């Protein structure tokens, strides 16, 4: 029974870790794709950027960058809260004390 619980928890932890790795990868890749496709680093790219930025693929890159950043932030917040939970002991006080 305990072995099954550990196995199930490891399964969910692996899926969660995989999801965060995918968000990190998506965020990383979209940053470079946005720079390449939406804001080229040439004079022509500077002139074309006001016309490229509203394009649908640039909006998709910005969405992925923004939401990927939020997911990474949430990952660190959850990890920090989990670590603090195990570092600080919780003391219970009864009404008779």
Protein backbone atom coordinates (compact mmCIF):
# COMPACT_ATOMS: atom_id res chain seq x y z
CA UNK A 1 0.00 0.00 0.00
CA UNK A 2 2.78 2.46 0.91
CA UNK A 3 4.69 1.39 -2.17
CA UNK A 4 1.66 2.18 -4.34
CA UNK A 5 1.28 5.62 -2.75
CA UNK A 6 4.95 6.41 -3.35
CA UNK A 7 4.69 5.19 -6.92
CA UNK A 8 1.59 7.32 -7.54
CA UNK A 9 3.19 10.42 -6.00
CA UNK A 10 6.34 9.94 -8.07
CA UNK A 11 4.18 9.67 -11.19
CA UNK A 12 2.46 12.99 -10.46
CA UNK A 13 5.72 14.67 -9.45
CA UNK A 14 7.30 13.54 -12.72
CA UNK A 15 4.39 14.92 -14.73
CA UNK A 16 4.57 18.21 -12.85
CA UNK A 17 8.32 18.48 -13.36
CA UNK A 18 7.89 17.68 -17.05
CA UNK A 19 5.28 20.40 -17.40
CA UNK A 20 7.58 23.00 -15.85
CA UNK A 21 10.49 21.89 -18.06
CA UNK A 22 8.24 22.33 -21.10
CA UNK A 23 7.27 25.85 -19.95
CA UNK A 24 10.93 26.76 -19.44
CA UNK A 25 11.84 25.38 -22.87
CA UNK A 26 8.90 27.15 -24.54
CA UNK A 27 9.80 30.44 -22.85
CA UNK A 28 13.47 30.15 -23.84
CA UNK A 29 12.76 29.25 -27.47
CA UNK A 30 10.06 31.89 -27.96
CA UNK A 31 12.33 34.67 -26.71
CA UNK A 32 14.83 33.95 -29.46
CA UNK A 33 12.16 33.35 -32.10
CA UNK A 34 10.53 36.68 -31.21
CA UNK A 35 13.86 38.46 -31.59
CA UNK A 36 14.54 36.78 -34.92
CA UNK A 37 11.11 37.04 -36.55
CA UNK A 38 9.54 40.13 -34.96
CA UNK A 39 12.43 42.49 -34.18
CA UNK A 40 15.31 41.84 -36.57
CA UNK A 41 18.51 43.63 -35.56
CA UNK A 42 19.06 45.54 -38.79
CA UNK A 43 18.03 48.98 -39.99
CA UNK A 44 15.39 47.36 -42.20
CA UNK A 45 14.23 45.33 -39.20
CA UNK A 46 13.92 48.53 -37.17
CA UNK A 47 11.77 50.08 -39.90
CA UNK A 48 9.68 46.90 -40.30
CA UNK A 49 9.18 46.18 -36.59
CA UNK A 50 6.02 48.33 -36.21
CA UNK A 51 4.47 46.24 -38.98
CA UNK A 52 5.78 42.90 -37.71
CA UNK A 53 4.93 43.24 -34.01
CA UNK A 54 1.11 43.12 -34.49
CA UNK A 55 1.40 39.98 -36.64
CA UNK A 56 -0.27 36.87 -35.27
CA UNK A 57 2.94 34.89 -34.85
CA UNK A 58 4.51 37.73 -32.85
CA UNK A 59 1.44 37.88 -30.62
CA UNK A 60 1.74 34.14 -30.05
CA UNK A 61 5.41 34.51 -29.13
CA UNK A 62 4.59 37.32 -26.67
CA UNK A 63 1.83 35.20 -25.12
CA UNK A 64 4.23 32.29 -24.66
CA UNK A 65 6.94 34.56 -23.22
CA UNK A 66 4.54 36.22 -20.77
CA UNK A 67 2.78 33.05 -19.59
CA UNK A 68 6.03 31.09 -19.55
CA UNK A 69 7.54 33.71 -17.26
CA UNK A 70 4.51 33.58 -14.97
CA UNK A 71 4.72 29.78 -14.81
CA UNK A 72 8.43 29.90 -13.97
CA UNK A 73 7.71 32.49 -11.27
CA UNK A 74 4.95 30.31 -9.82
CA UNK A 75 7.29 27.31 -9.88
CA UNK A 76 9.88 29.14 -7.75
CA UNK A 77 7.18 30.44 -5.40
CA UNK A 78 5.75 26.95 -4.85
CA UNK A 79 9.22 25.46 -4.39
CA UNK A 80 10.10 28.17 -1.87
CA UNK A 81 6.87 27.62 0.06
CA UNK A 82 7.49 23.87 0.10
CA UNK A 83 11.04 24.36 1.42
CA UNK A 84 9.87 26.81 4.11
CA UNK A 85 7.22 24.28 5.15
CA UNK A 86 9.94 21.76 5.96
CA UNK A 87 12.41 24.24 7.46
CA UNK A 88 10.08 25.86 9.97
CA UNK A 89 8.46 23.56 12.51
CA UNK A 90 4.79 24.14 13.20
CA UNK A 91 3.91 24.28 16.88
CA UNK A 92 0.42 23.51 18.04
CA UNK A 93 -0.92 25.06 21.24
CA UNK A 94 -3.82 23.56 23.09
CA UNK A 95 -6.42 25.57 24.99
CA UNK A 96 -5.23 24.15 28.36
CA UNK A 97 -1.76 25.69 28.19
